[in-house]
Amino acid sequence: MGEGSLANEVGDHLREHRAGSGRGLVVELVEGLLLAVVAVATAWSGYQSTLWDSRSAASYGHSSKLRIQSQGAQATAGQETLYDSSTFYAWLTADEANNTTLTNLLVRRMRPEYRVAFDAWIQLDPLHNASAPPGPAFMPQYHNASAQQAAKLDAQATAAFDAGNHARDIGDEYVRVTVLMAVVLFLTALSQRFSFRNVRLGIIGLALLMLAFSIIQLVAISV
């Protein structure tokens, strides 16, 4: 073999080696960039998952507090309704006995909310008017603030509970994305174990696809 042929062969070998080294460097750069993006995305997803879990717990706690307050207001409303009924029954008994002193006393002892309905009921002459409601509690003027407050608190408790469920669902979505990111990290690390370029590129391609899908999921959750 001549010196010229040998030199050409050596040159070709060096060019192939440099080209292979260049392709290997590109693959390593892609893997490094992939690891960097996954690290940032995983940290963000994990942070958001913890944040939404905290919001969920806070909403559940607020819901429980409102539910207890609602039950307390409902208990008060029940006691007030019982007092109104007892006072009215005593007034009927005293009125039937023509005990004016007692009836006046009982009227003064009525709760303000019930007194408004009672006065409106009396104006209908219920003792002689068969079409009159059976008692002040059936009048449109009758309201129980405690019962209304109980209903309001119960609605707020339900809304807070629903908000907790929503926050928990969002947190779960971030957890799923975090798991996908972990798979991307696994694939990236796995690709580095193979010396065959095509196999390595195939695994990196799969990792890139999963990363793109994960980022799309992150954007969808955040919007």
N, C-alpha and C. Protein backbone atom coordinates (compact mmCIF):
# COMPACT_ATOMS: atom_id res chain seq x y z
N MET A 1 0.86 -1.20 0.00
CA MET A 1 0.00 0.00 0.00
C MET A 1 0.88 1.23 0.00
N GLY A 2 0.57 2.24 -0.83
CA GLY A 2 1.37 3.43 -0.91
C GLY A 2 1.15 4.35 0.27
N GLU A 3 2.09 5.28 0.39
CA GLU A 3 1.97 6.22 1.50
C GLU A 3 0.74 7.11 1.34
N GLY A 4 0.36 7.42 0.10
CA GLY A 4 -0.82 8.27 -0.13
C GLY A 4 -2.09 7.57 0.28
N SER A 5 -2.21 6.29 -0.05
CA SER A 5 -3.41 5.53 0.33
C SER A 5 -3.52 5.41 1.84
N LEU A 6 -2.41 5.19 2.49
CA LEU A 6 -2.41 5.07 3.94
C LEU A 6 -2.84 6.37 4.61
N ALA A 7 -2.34 7.46 4.05
CA ALA A 7 -2.70 8.77 4.61
C ALA A 7 -4.19 9.05 4.45
N ASN A 8 -4.73 8.67 3.28
CA ASN A 8 -6.16 8.87 3.05
C ASN A 8 -6.99 8.03 4.01
N GLU A 9 -6.55 6.80 4.25
CA GLU A 9 -7.30 5.92 5.16
C GLU A 9 -7.28 6.45 6.59
N VAL A 10 -6.12 6.92 6.99
CA VAL A 10 -6.02 7.51 8.34
C VAL A 10 -6.90 8.76 8.44
N GLY A 11 -6.92 9.57 7.39
CA GLY A 11 -7.74 10.78 7.40
C GLY A 11 -9.22 10.46 7.49
N ASP A 12 -9.63 9.44 6.71
CA ASP A 12 -11.05 9.03 6.77
C ASP A 12 -11.42 8.55 8.17
N HIS A 13 -10.50 7.78 8.77
CA HIS A 13 -10.78 7.27 10.10
C HIS A 13 -10.90 8.40 11.12
N LEU A 14 -10.05 9.39 11.00
CA LEU A 14 -10.11 10.52 11.92
C LEU A 14 -11.38 11.33 11.74
N ARG A 15 -11.80 11.50 10.47
CA ARG A 15 -13.04 12.26 10.22
C ARG A 15 -14.26 11.53 10.79
N GLU A 16 -14.27 10.19 10.61
CA GLU A 16 -15.39 9.41 11.17
C GLU A 16 -15.41 9.49 12.69
N HIS A 17 -14.19 9.45 13.27
CA HIS A 17 -14.10 9.53 14.73
C HIS A 17 -14.59 10.88 15.23
N ARG A 18 -14.20 11.94 14.51
CA ARG A 18 -14.63 13.28 14.91
C ARG A 18 -16.14 13.45 14.73
N ALA A 19 -16.66 12.88 13.63
CA ALA A 19 -18.11 12.98 13.41
C ALA A 19 -18.87 12.23 14.49
N GLY A 20 -18.36 11.03 14.84
CA GLY A 20 -19.01 10.28 15.91
C GLY A 20 -18.94 11.00 17.23
N SER A 21 -17.77 11.60 17.49
CA SER A 21 -17.62 12.37 18.73
C SER A 21 -18.57 13.55 18.76
N GLY A 22 -18.73 14.19 17.58
CA GLY A 22 -19.66 15.32 17.51
C GLY A 22 -21.08 14.91 17.77
N ARG A 23 -21.50 13.79 17.17
CA ARG A 23 -22.86 13.30 17.41
C ARG A 23 -23.05 12.91 18.87
N GLY A 24 -22.01 12.30 19.45
CA GLY A 24 -22.10 11.93 20.86
C GLY A 24 -22.24 13.15 21.75
N LEU A 25 -21.52 14.22 21.38
CA LEU A 25 -21.60 15.45 22.16
C LEU A 25 -23.01 16.05 22.09
N VAL A 26 -23.61 15.99 20.90
CA VAL A 26 -24.97 16.50 20.73
C VAL A 26 -25.95 15.71 21.60
N VAL A 27 -25.79 14.39 21.59
CA VAL A 27 -26.66 13.55 22.41
C VAL A 27 -26.50 13.88 23.89
N GLU A 28 -25.27 14.07 24.32
CA GLU A 28 -25.02 14.41 25.72
C GLU A 28 -25.61 15.77 26.08
N LEU A 29 -25.51 16.72 25.14
CA LEU A 29 -26.10 18.05 25.38
C LEU A 29 -27.62 17.95 25.50
N VAL A 30 -28.22 17.14 24.63
CA VAL A 30 -29.68 16.95 24.70
C VAL A 30 -30.07 16.32 26.03
N GLU A 31 -29.29 15.32 26.46
CA GLU A 31 -29.58 14.67 27.74
C GLU A 31 -29.43 15.65 28.90
N GLY A 32 -28.39 16.48 28.82
CA GLY A 32 -28.18 17.47 29.89
C GLY A 32 -29.31 18.49 29.94
N LEU A 33 -29.72 18.96 28.76
CA LEU A 33 -30.82 19.91 28.70
C LEU A 33 -32.12 19.26 29.18
N LEU A 34 -32.30 18.02 28.80
CA LEU A 34 -33.50 17.29 29.23
C LEU A 34 -33.55 17.16 30.74
N LEU A 35 -32.41 16.81 31.34
CA LEU A 35 -32.35 16.68 32.81
C LEU A 35 -32.62 18.02 33.49
N ALA A 36 -32.10 19.11 32.92
CA ALA A 36 -32.31 20.42 33.52
C ALA A 36 -33.78 20.82 33.49
N VAL A 37 -34.41 20.62 32.33
CA VAL A 37 -35.84 20.97 32.20
C VAL A 37 -36.69 20.11 33.14
N VAL A 38 -36.38 18.83 33.18
CA VAL A 38 -37.16 17.93 34.03
C VAL A 38 -36.99 18.29 35.50
N ALA A 39 -35.78 18.66 35.89
CA ALA A 39 -35.54 19.03 37.29
C ALA A 39 -36.37 20.24 37.69
N VAL A 40 -36.39 21.26 36.82
CA VAL A 40 -37.17 22.47 37.12
C VAL A 40 -38.67 22.16 37.13
N ALA A 41 -39.12 21.42 36.12
CA ALA A 41 -40.54 21.09 36.03
C ALA A 41 -40.98 20.22 37.20
N THR A 42 -40.13 19.28 37.61
CA THR A 42 -40.48 18.41 38.74
C THR A 42 -40.57 19.22 40.03
N ALA A 43 -39.62 20.14 40.23
CA ALA A 43 -39.65 20.98 41.43
C ALA A 43 -40.92 21.84 41.46
N TRP A 44 -41.26 22.40 40.31
CA TRP A 44 -42.47 23.23 40.22
C TRP A 44 -43.72 22.42 40.48
N SER A 45 -43.80 21.25 39.86
CA SER A 45 -44.97 20.39 40.04
C SER A 45 -45.10 19.93 41.48
N GLY A 46 -43.97 19.56 42.10
CA GLY A 46 -44.01 19.15 43.50
C GLY A 46 -44.44 20.28 44.42
N TYR A 47 -43.94 21.49 44.14
CA TYR A 47 -44.33 22.65 44.94
C TYR A 47 -45.82 22.94 44.82
N GLN A 48 -46.33 22.89 43.59
CA GLN A 48 -47.75 23.14 43.37
C GLN A 48 -48.61 22.07 44.04
N SER A 49 -48.16 20.84 44.00
CA SER A 49 -48.91 19.76 44.64
C SER A 49 -49.02 20.00 46.14
N THR A 50 -47.91 20.37 46.76
CA THR A 50 -47.93 20.67 48.20
C THR A 50 -48.80 21.88 48.50
N LEU A 51 -48.70 22.90 47.64
CA LEU A 51 -49.49 24.12 47.85
C LEU A 51 -50.98 23.83 47.79
N TRP A 52 -51.41 23.07 46.78
CA TRP A 52 -52.84 22.78 46.64
C TRP A 52 -53.33 21.82 47.72
N ASP A 53 -52.47 20.94 48.18
CA ASP A 53 -52.85 20.08 49.30
C ASP A 53 -53.08 20.92 50.56
N SER A 54 -52.24 21.94 50.75
CA SER A 54 -52.41 22.83 51.90
C SER A 54 -53.72 23.60 51.78
N ARG A 55 -54.02 24.07 50.57
CA ARG A 55 -55.28 24.79 50.36
C ARG A 55 -56.47 23.87 50.61
N SER A 56 -56.35 22.62 50.18
CA SER A 56 -57.42 21.66 50.39
C SER A 56 -57.66 21.44 51.87
N ALA A 57 -56.57 21.26 52.62
CA ALA A 57 -56.71 21.05 54.07
C ALA A 57 -57.32 22.27 54.75
N ALA A 58 -56.91 23.46 54.31
CA ALA A 58 -57.45 24.69 54.90
C ALA A 58 -58.95 24.82 54.61
N SER A 59 -59.35 24.46 53.39
CA SER A 59 -60.77 24.54 53.03
C SER A 59 -61.60 23.54 53.82
N TYR A 60 -61.05 22.33 53.99
CA TYR A 60 -61.77 21.33 54.77
C TYR A 60 -61.91 21.78 56.23
N GLY A 61 -60.83 22.37 56.77
CA GLY A 61 -60.90 22.87 58.14
C GLY A 61 -61.91 23.99 58.29
N HIS A 62 -61.93 24.89 57.31
CA HIS A 62 -62.90 26.00 57.35
C HIS A 62 -64.32 25.46 57.22
N SER A 63 -64.50 24.45 56.39
CA SER A 63 -65.82 23.84 56.22
C SER A 63 -66.30 23.22 57.53
N SER A 64 -65.41 22.53 58.22
CA SER A 64 -65.79 21.91 59.50
C SER A 64 -66.18 22.97 60.53
N LYS A 65 -65.42 24.06 60.55
CA LYS A 65 -65.72 25.15 61.48
C LYS A 65 -67.10 25.75 61.19
N LEU A 66 -67.38 26.00 59.91
CA LEU A 66 -68.67 26.57 59.54
C LEU A 66 -69.81 25.58 59.83
N ARG A 67 -69.55 24.29 59.64
CA ARG A 67 -70.58 23.29 59.90
C ARG A 67 -70.93 23.26 61.38
N ILE A 68 -69.92 23.38 62.24
CA ILE A 68 -70.18 23.40 63.68
C ILE A 68 -70.97 24.64 64.06
N GLN A 69 -70.61 25.79 63.48
CA GLN A 69 -71.35 27.02 63.74
C GLN A 69 -72.79 26.91 63.26
N SER A 70 -72.98 26.26 62.11
CA SER A 70 -74.33 26.07 61.58
C SER A 70 -75.16 25.20 62.52
N GLN A 71 -74.55 24.14 63.02
CA GLN A 71 -75.27 23.27 63.95
C GLN A 71 -75.63 24.00 65.24
N GLY A 72 -74.71 24.87 65.70
CA GLY A 72 -75.00 25.67 66.89
C GLY A 72 -76.17 26.62 66.65
N ALA A 73 -76.16 27.29 65.48
CA ALA A 73 -77.26 28.21 65.16
C ALA A 73 -78.57 27.46 64.99
N GLN A 74 -78.50 26.24 64.43
CA GLN A 74 -79.70 25.44 64.26
C GLN A 74 -80.26 25.01 65.60
N ALA A 75 -79.38 24.68 66.54
CA ALA A 75 -79.83 24.31 67.89
C ALA A 75 -80.50 25.50 68.58
N THR A 76 -79.91 26.69 68.39
CA THR A 76 -80.52 27.91 68.96
C THR A 76 -81.88 28.17 68.34
N ALA A 77 -81.97 27.97 67.02
CA ALA A 77 -83.25 28.18 66.34
C ALA A 77 -84.30 27.21 66.87
N GLY A 78 -83.91 25.98 67.14
CA GLY A 78 -84.86 25.01 67.69
C GLY A 78 -85.33 25.42 69.08
N GLN A 79 -84.43 25.90 69.89
CA GLN A 79 -84.80 26.35 71.24
C GLN A 79 -85.73 27.56 71.16
N GLU A 80 -85.44 28.48 70.26
CA GLU A 80 -86.30 29.66 70.11
C GLU A 80 -87.68 29.28 69.60
N THR A 81 -87.74 28.33 68.67
CA THR A 81 -89.04 27.88 68.17
C THR A 81 -89.85 27.23 69.28
N LEU A 82 -89.17 26.43 70.11
CA LEU A 82 -89.86 25.80 71.24
C LEU A 82 -90.36 26.86 72.23
N TYR A 83 -89.55 27.88 72.47
CA TYR A 83 -89.97 28.96 73.36
C TYR A 83 -91.17 29.71 72.79
N ASP A 84 -91.13 29.98 71.49
CA ASP A 84 -92.24 30.68 70.85
C ASP A 84 -93.54 29.86 70.98
N SER A 85 -93.43 28.56 70.73
CA SER A 85 -94.61 27.69 70.81
C SER A 85 -95.15 27.62 72.23
N SER A 86 -94.24 27.51 73.21
CA SER A 86 -94.66 27.42 74.61
C SER A 86 -95.33 28.72 75.06
N THR A 87 -94.73 29.84 74.66
CA THR A 87 -95.31 31.14 75.03
C THR A 87 -96.69 31.32 74.40
N PHE A 88 -96.83 30.92 73.14
CA PHE A 88 -98.11 31.06 72.46
C PHE A 88 -99.18 30.16 73.08
N TYR A 89 -98.79 28.93 73.41
CA TYR A 89 -99.74 28.02 74.04
C TYR A 89 -100.20 28.57 75.40
N ALA A 90 -99.24 29.13 76.15
CA ALA A 90 -99.60 29.73 77.45
C ALA A 90 -100.51 30.94 77.24
N TRP A 91 -100.27 31.71 76.19
CA TRP A 91 -101.13 32.88 75.92
C TRP A 91 -102.55 32.43 75.58
N LEU A 92 -102.69 31.38 74.77
CA LEU A 92 -104.01 30.87 74.43
C LEU A 92 -104.77 30.42 75.67
N THR A 93 -104.05 29.75 76.57
CA THR A 93 -104.68 29.27 77.80
C THR A 93 -105.13 30.44 78.67
N ALA A 94 -104.26 31.45 78.79
CA ALA A 94 -104.60 32.62 79.60
C ALA A 94 -105.73 33.43 78.96
N ASP A 95 -105.72 33.55 77.64
CA ASP A 95 -106.77 34.29 76.96
C ASP A 95 -108.12 33.59 77.10
N GLU A 96 -108.10 32.27 77.04
CA GLU A 96 -109.35 31.52 77.21
C GLU A 96 -109.90 31.69 78.62
N ALA A 97 -109.00 31.88 79.58
CA ALA A 97 -109.42 32.09 80.96
C ALA A 97 -109.69 33.56 81.26
N ASN A 98 -109.59 34.41 80.26
CA ASN A 98 -109.80 35.85 80.42
C ASN A 98 -108.85 36.46 81.45
N ASN A 99 -107.64 35.92 81.51
CA ASN A 99 -106.63 36.44 82.45
C ASN A 99 -105.80 37.49 81.71
N THR A 100 -106.30 38.72 81.72
CA THR A 100 -105.66 39.79 80.95
C THR A 100 -104.25 40.09 81.44
N THR A 101 -104.08 40.04 82.75
CA THR A 101 -102.75 40.33 83.31
C THR A 101 -101.70 39.34 82.77
N LEU A 102 -102.07 38.06 82.74
CA LEU A 102 -101.14 37.05 82.28
C LEU A 102 -100.92 37.15 80.77
N THR A 103 -101.99 37.42 80.04
CA THR A 103 -101.82 37.53 78.58
C THR A 103 -100.91 38.71 78.22
N ASN A 104 -101.07 39.84 78.92
CA ASN A 104 -100.20 40.99 78.67
C ASN A 104 -98.75 40.67 79.00
N LEU A 105 -98.57 39.93 80.10
CA LEU A 105 -97.21 39.55 80.49
C LEU A 105 -96.58 38.63 79.45
N LEU A 106 -97.35 37.68 78.99
CA LEU A 106 -96.82 36.74 77.99
C LEU A 106 -96.49 37.44 76.68
N VAL A 107 -97.31 38.41 76.29
CA VAL A 107 -97.04 39.16 75.06
C VAL A 107 -95.73 39.93 75.20
N ARG A 108 -95.52 40.53 76.39
CA ARG A 108 -94.27 41.28 76.60
C ARG A 108 -93.06 40.35 76.60
N ARG A 109 -93.26 39.10 77.01
CA ARG A 109 -92.15 38.13 77.07
C ARG A 109 -91.86 37.47 75.71
N MET A 110 -92.66 37.76 74.72
CA MET A 110 -92.41 37.17 73.41
C MET A 110 -91.15 37.76 72.78
N ARG A 111 -90.46 36.94 72.02
CA ARG A 111 -89.28 37.42 71.30
C ARG A 111 -89.71 38.45 70.25
N PRO A 112 -88.88 39.45 69.99
CA PRO A 112 -89.25 40.50 69.04
C PRO A 112 -89.65 39.94 67.67
N GLU A 113 -88.93 38.95 67.17
CA GLU A 113 -89.27 38.37 65.88
C GLU A 113 -90.65 37.75 65.90
N TYR A 114 -90.97 37.07 67.01
CA TYR A 114 -92.26 36.42 67.12
C TYR A 114 -93.37 37.43 67.40
N ARG A 115 -93.03 38.49 68.10
CA ARG A 115 -94.03 39.52 68.45
C ARG A 115 -94.57 40.19 67.19
N VAL A 116 -93.71 40.42 66.20
CA VAL A 116 -94.16 41.03 64.94
C VAL A 116 -95.21 40.14 64.27
N ALA A 117 -94.93 38.85 64.20
CA ALA A 117 -95.88 37.91 63.58
C ALA A 117 -97.14 37.78 64.43
N PHE A 118 -96.98 37.83 65.75
CA PHE A 118 -98.13 37.71 66.65
C PHE A 118 -99.08 38.90 66.47
N ASP A 119 -98.53 40.11 66.41
CA ASP A 119 -99.37 41.30 66.24
C ASP A 119 -100.12 41.24 64.90
N ALA A 120 -99.42 40.79 63.84
CA ALA A 120 -100.08 40.67 62.54
C ALA A 120 -101.16 39.60 62.59
N TRP A 121 -100.94 38.56 63.33
CA TRP A 121 -101.93 37.47 63.45
C TRP A 121 -103.16 37.93 64.22
N ILE A 122 -102.95 38.72 65.28
CA ILE A 122 -104.06 39.24 66.09
C ILE A 122 -104.97 40.14 65.26
N GLN A 123 -104.37 40.91 64.35
CA GLN A 123 -105.16 41.83 63.52
C GLN A 123 -106.12 41.09 62.60
N LEU A 124 -105.88 39.80 62.39
CA LEU A 124 -106.78 39.01 61.55
C LEU A 124 -107.97 38.46 62.33
N ASP A 125 -108.02 38.79 63.62
CA ASP A 125 -109.10 38.29 64.50
C ASP A 125 -109.20 36.75 64.39
N PRO A 126 -108.11 36.07 64.69
CA PRO A 126 -108.05 34.63 64.46
C PRO A 126 -109.04 33.82 65.30
N LEU A 127 -109.44 34.35 66.44
CA LEU A 127 -110.35 33.60 67.30
C LEU A 127 -111.76 33.53 66.72
N HIS A 128 -112.05 34.42 65.75
CA HIS A 128 -113.36 34.41 65.11
C HIS A 128 -113.28 34.26 63.59
N ASN A 129 -112.06 34.32 63.06
CA ASN A 129 -111.85 34.25 61.61
C ASN A 129 -111.29 32.86 61.27
N ALA A 130 -112.12 32.04 60.67
CA ALA A 130 -111.69 30.66 60.38
C ALA A 130 -110.62 30.59 59.31
N SER A 131 -110.51 31.61 58.49
CA SER A 131 -109.51 31.60 57.41
C SER A 131 -108.13 32.07 57.87
N ALA A 132 -108.04 32.52 59.11
CA ALA A 132 -106.75 32.99 59.63
C ALA A 132 -105.80 31.81 59.83
N PRO A 133 -104.50 32.03 59.68
CA PRO A 133 -103.53 30.95 59.93
C PRO A 133 -103.68 30.41 61.35
N PRO A 134 -103.25 29.17 61.58
CA PRO A 134 -103.41 28.57 62.91
C PRO A 134 -102.58 29.23 64.01
N GLY A 135 -101.58 29.97 63.66
CA GLY A 135 -100.76 30.63 64.68
C GLY A 135 -99.79 31.60 64.06
N PRO A 136 -99.13 32.43 64.88
CA PRO A 136 -98.18 33.43 64.37
C PRO A 136 -97.03 32.81 63.59
N ALA A 137 -96.65 31.58 63.93
CA ALA A 137 -95.53 30.94 63.24
C ALA A 137 -95.83 30.69 61.77
N PHE A 138 -97.10 30.71 61.39
CA PHE A 138 -97.50 30.47 60.00
C PHE A 138 -97.71 31.77 59.23
N MET A 139 -97.46 32.88 59.88
CA MET A 139 -97.61 34.19 59.24
C MET A 139 -96.37 34.51 58.41
N PRO A 140 -96.54 35.23 57.29
CA PRO A 140 -95.37 35.60 56.47
C PRO A 140 -94.42 36.54 57.21
N GLN A 141 -94.92 37.21 58.25
CA GLN A 141 -94.06 38.12 59.01
C GLN A 141 -93.11 37.39 59.96
N TYR A 142 -93.35 36.09 60.13
CA TYR A 142 -92.53 35.35 61.10
C TYR A 142 -91.20 34.95 60.47
N HIS A 143 -90.14 35.31 61.15
CA HIS A 143 -88.79 34.94 60.72
C HIS A 143 -87.99 34.54 61.95
N ASN A 144 -87.07 33.62 61.73
CA ASN A 144 -86.16 33.20 62.79
C ASN A 144 -84.74 33.44 62.30
N ALA A 145 -84.11 34.46 62.85
CA ALA A 145 -82.77 34.85 62.40
C ALA A 145 -81.76 33.72 62.61
N SER A 146 -81.92 32.98 63.68
CA SER A 146 -80.98 31.89 63.96
C SER A 146 -81.10 30.79 62.90
N ALA A 147 -82.33 30.49 62.49
CA ALA A 147 -82.53 29.47 61.46
C ALA A 147 -81.95 29.94 60.12
N GLN A 148 -82.15 31.21 59.81
CA GLN A 148 -81.60 31.76 58.58
C GLN A 148 -80.07 31.77 58.61
N GLN A 149 -79.52 32.09 59.79
CA GLN A 149 -78.07 32.07 59.93
C GLN A 149 -77.53 30.65 59.79
N ALA A 150 -78.27 29.68 60.34
CA ALA A 150 -77.86 28.28 60.23
C ALA A 150 -77.83 27.84 58.77
N ALA A 151 -78.85 28.23 58.02
CA ALA A 151 -78.90 27.86 56.60
C ALA A 151 -77.76 28.52 55.82
N LYS A 152 -77.46 29.78 56.15
CA LYS A 152 -76.38 30.50 55.49
C LYS A 152 -75.03 29.86 55.77
N LEU A 153 -74.80 29.53 57.04
CA LEU A 153 -73.54 28.89 57.43
C LEU A 153 -73.40 27.51 56.79
N ASP A 154 -74.52 26.79 56.71
CA ASP A 154 -74.48 25.46 56.10
C ASP A 154 -74.11 25.56 54.62
N ALA A 155 -74.66 26.57 53.94
CA ALA A 155 -74.33 26.77 52.51
C ALA A 155 -72.86 27.14 52.35
N GLN A 156 -72.35 27.98 53.25
CA GLN A 156 -70.93 28.35 53.20
C GLN A 156 -70.04 27.15 53.48
N ALA A 157 -70.46 26.29 54.42
CA ALA A 157 -69.69 25.09 54.73
C ALA A 157 -69.63 24.16 53.53
N THR A 158 -70.76 24.03 52.83
CA THR A 158 -70.79 23.19 51.64
C THR A 158 -69.87 23.75 50.55
N ALA A 159 -69.90 25.07 50.39
CA ALA A 159 -69.04 25.71 49.38
C ALA A 159 -67.56 25.52 49.73
N ALA A 160 -67.22 25.65 51.01
CA ALA A 160 -65.83 25.45 51.43
C ALA A 160 -65.40 24.00 51.23
N PHE A 161 -66.31 23.07 51.48
CA PHE A 161 -66.00 21.65 51.28
C PHE A 161 -65.76 21.36 49.80
N ASP A 162 -66.60 21.94 48.95
CA ASP A 162 -66.43 21.77 47.50
C ASP A 162 -65.11 22.37 47.03
N ALA A 163 -64.75 23.52 47.62
CA ALA A 163 -63.47 24.14 47.27
C ALA A 163 -62.31 23.24 47.69
N GLY A 164 -62.47 22.57 48.83
CA GLY A 164 -61.44 21.63 49.28
C GLY A 164 -61.30 20.46 48.33
N ASN A 165 -62.43 19.95 47.85
CA ASN A 165 -62.39 18.85 46.88
C ASN A 165 -61.70 19.29 45.58
N HIS A 166 -62.02 20.52 45.15
CA HIS A 166 -61.41 21.04 43.92
C HIS A 166 -59.90 21.19 44.09
N ALA A 167 -59.47 21.73 45.22
CA ALA A 167 -58.04 21.90 45.47
C ALA A 167 -57.34 20.54 45.55
N ARG A 168 -58.01 19.56 46.16
CA ARG A 168 -57.43 18.22 46.24
C ARG A 168 -57.26 17.61 44.85
N ASP A 169 -58.26 17.81 44.00
CA ASP A 169 -58.18 17.27 42.64
C ASP A 169 -57.01 17.90 41.86
N ILE A 170 -56.83 19.21 42.02
CA ILE A 170 -55.72 19.87 41.35
C ILE A 170 -54.39 19.35 41.88
N GLY A 171 -54.31 19.17 43.21
CA GLY A 171 -53.10 18.61 43.80
C GLY A 171 -52.79 17.23 43.25
N ASP A 172 -53.83 16.42 43.07
CA ASP A 172 -53.64 15.08 42.50
C ASP A 172 -53.12 15.15 41.07
N GLU A 173 -53.61 16.16 40.32
CA GLU A 173 -53.13 16.33 38.94
C GLU A 173 -51.63 16.65 38.92
N TYR A 174 -51.20 17.50 39.85
CA TYR A 174 -49.78 17.82 39.93
C TYR A 174 -48.96 16.59 40.35
N VAL A 175 -49.52 15.76 41.21
CA VAL A 175 -48.83 14.54 41.61
C VAL A 175 -48.64 13.63 40.40
N ARG A 176 -49.67 13.51 39.57
CA ARG A 176 -49.56 12.67 38.38
C ARG A 176 -48.48 13.20 37.43
N VAL A 177 -48.41 14.53 37.29
CA VAL A 177 -47.38 15.10 36.44
C VAL A 177 -45.99 14.83 37.02
N THR A 178 -45.88 14.92 38.35
CA THR A 178 -44.61 14.63 39.01
C THR A 178 -44.16 13.19 38.73
N VAL A 179 -45.12 12.27 38.75
CA VAL A 179 -44.81 10.87 38.45
C VAL A 179 -44.32 10.74 37.01
N LEU A 180 -44.97 11.44 36.08
CA LEU A 180 -44.53 11.41 34.68
C LEU A 180 -43.11 11.96 34.55
N MET A 181 -42.82 13.02 35.30
CA MET A 181 -41.47 13.58 35.27
C MET A 181 -40.45 12.58 35.79
N ALA A 182 -40.83 11.81 36.79
CA ALA A 182 -39.93 10.78 37.31
C ALA A 182 -39.64 9.73 36.25
N VAL A 183 -40.64 9.39 35.45
CA VAL A 183 -40.43 8.44 34.36
C VAL A 183 -39.47 9.03 33.32
N VAL A 184 -39.59 10.32 33.05
CA VAL A 184 -38.69 10.97 32.11
C VAL A 184 -37.25 10.92 32.63
N LEU A 185 -37.09 11.17 33.93
CA LEU A 185 -35.76 11.07 34.53
C LEU A 185 -35.20 9.66 34.40
N PHE A 186 -36.06 8.67 34.64
CA PHE A 186 -35.63 7.27 34.52
C PHE A 186 -35.18 6.95 33.10
N LEU A 187 -35.96 7.39 32.12
CA LEU A 187 -35.61 7.12 30.73
C LEU A 187 -34.30 7.81 30.34
N THR A 188 -34.11 9.03 30.83
CA THR A 188 -32.88 9.76 30.52
C THR A 188 -31.67 9.05 31.12
N ALA A 189 -31.81 8.60 32.36
CA ALA A 189 -30.72 7.86 32.98
C ALA A 189 -30.49 6.52 32.29
N LEU A 190 -31.58 5.89 31.85
CA LEU A 190 -31.46 4.60 31.17
C LEU A 190 -30.74 4.73 29.84
N SER A 191 -31.01 5.83 29.13
CA SER A 191 -30.38 6.02 27.81
C SER A 191 -28.86 6.08 27.93
N GLN A 192 -28.36 6.59 29.03
CA GLN A 192 -26.93 6.72 29.22
C GLN A 192 -26.24 5.38 29.46
N ARG A 193 -27.02 4.33 29.67
CA ARG A 193 -26.45 3.00 29.90
C ARG A 193 -26.19 2.25 28.59
N PHE A 194 -26.68 2.79 27.48
CA PHE A 194 -26.53 2.12 26.20
C PHE A 194 -25.46 2.82 25.36
N SER A 195 -24.63 2.01 24.73
CA SER A 195 -23.59 2.55 23.85
C SER A 195 -24.05 2.61 22.40
N PHE A 196 -25.11 1.85 22.08
CA PHE A 196 -25.65 1.88 20.72
C PHE A 196 -26.42 3.19 20.51
N ARG A 197 -25.97 3.95 19.52
CA ARG A 197 -26.53 5.30 19.34
C ARG A 197 -28.02 5.27 19.02
N ASN A 198 -28.47 4.35 18.17
CA ASN A 198 -29.88 4.30 17.79
C ASN A 198 -30.78 3.99 18.99
N VAL A 199 -30.33 3.04 19.80
CA VAL A 199 -31.11 2.71 21.00
C VAL A 199 -31.16 3.91 21.94
N ARG A 200 -30.03 4.54 22.10
CA ARG A 200 -29.95 5.70 22.98
C ARG A 200 -30.86 6.83 22.49
N LEU A 201 -30.79 7.08 21.17
CA LEU A 201 -31.64 8.13 20.61
C LEU A 201 -33.12 7.79 20.72
N GLY A 202 -33.46 6.51 20.55
CA GLY A 202 -34.86 6.11 20.69
C GLY A 202 -35.40 6.36 22.09
N ILE A 203 -34.59 6.02 23.10
CA ILE A 203 -35.02 6.25 24.48
C ILE A 203 -35.12 7.74 24.77
N ILE A 204 -34.17 8.52 24.27
CA ILE A 204 -34.23 9.97 24.47
C ILE A 204 -35.46 10.56 23.78
N GLY A 205 -35.77 10.05 22.59
CA GLY A 205 -36.97 10.52 21.88
C GLY A 205 -38.23 10.25 22.68
N LEU A 206 -38.30 9.05 23.26
CA LEU A 206 -39.46 8.73 24.10
C LEU A 206 -39.53 9.64 25.32
N ALA A 207 -38.37 9.90 25.92
CA ALA A 207 -38.32 10.80 27.07
C ALA A 207 -38.78 12.20 26.70
N LEU A 208 -38.38 12.66 25.51
CA LEU A 208 -38.79 14.00 25.05
C LEU A 208 -40.30 14.07 24.84
N LEU A 209 -40.86 13.01 24.29
CA LEU A 209 -42.32 12.98 24.08
C LEU A 209 -43.06 13.04 25.42
N MET A 210 -42.58 12.26 26.38
CA MET A 210 -43.22 12.27 27.70
C MET A 210 -43.04 13.62 28.38
N LEU A 211 -41.89 14.23 28.18
CA LEU A 211 -41.66 15.55 28.76
C LEU A 211 -42.61 16.58 28.16
N ALA A 212 -42.77 16.54 26.84
CA ALA A 212 -43.69 17.47 26.18
C ALA A 212 -45.11 17.27 26.69
N PHE A 213 -45.53 16.01 26.82
CA PHE A 213 -46.87 15.73 27.33
C PHE A 213 -47.03 16.24 28.76
N SER A 214 -45.99 16.05 29.57
CA SER A 214 -46.05 16.50 30.97
C SER A 214 -46.15 18.02 31.06
N ILE A 215 -45.39 18.71 30.22
CA ILE A 215 -45.44 20.17 30.24
C ILE A 215 -46.79 20.68 29.78
N ILE A 216 -47.37 20.02 28.78
CA ILE A 216 -48.72 20.39 28.34
C ILE A 216 -49.71 20.21 29.48
N GLN A 217 -49.55 19.12 30.23
CA GLN A 217 -50.44 18.89 31.37
C GLN A 217 -50.24 19.97 32.44
N LEU A 218 -49.00 20.37 32.68
CA LEU A 218 -48.74 21.42 33.64
C LEU A 218 -49.41 22.73 33.25
N VAL A 219 -49.28 23.08 31.97
CA VAL A 219 -49.90 24.31 31.48
C VAL A 219 -51.41 24.24 31.60
N ALA A 220 -51.99 23.06 31.26
CA ALA A 220 -53.44 22.90 31.34
C ALA A 220 -53.94 23.04 32.77
N ILE A 221 -53.20 22.49 33.71
CA ILE A 221 -53.61 22.59 35.12
C ILE A 221 -53.50 24.02 35.63
N SER A 222 -52.45 24.70 35.21
CA SER A 222 -52.19 26.05 35.72
C SER A 222 -53.15 27.08 35.17
N VAL A 223 -53.69 26.83 33.98
CA VAL A 223 -54.58 27.81 33.34
C VAL A 223 -55.91 27.87 34.06
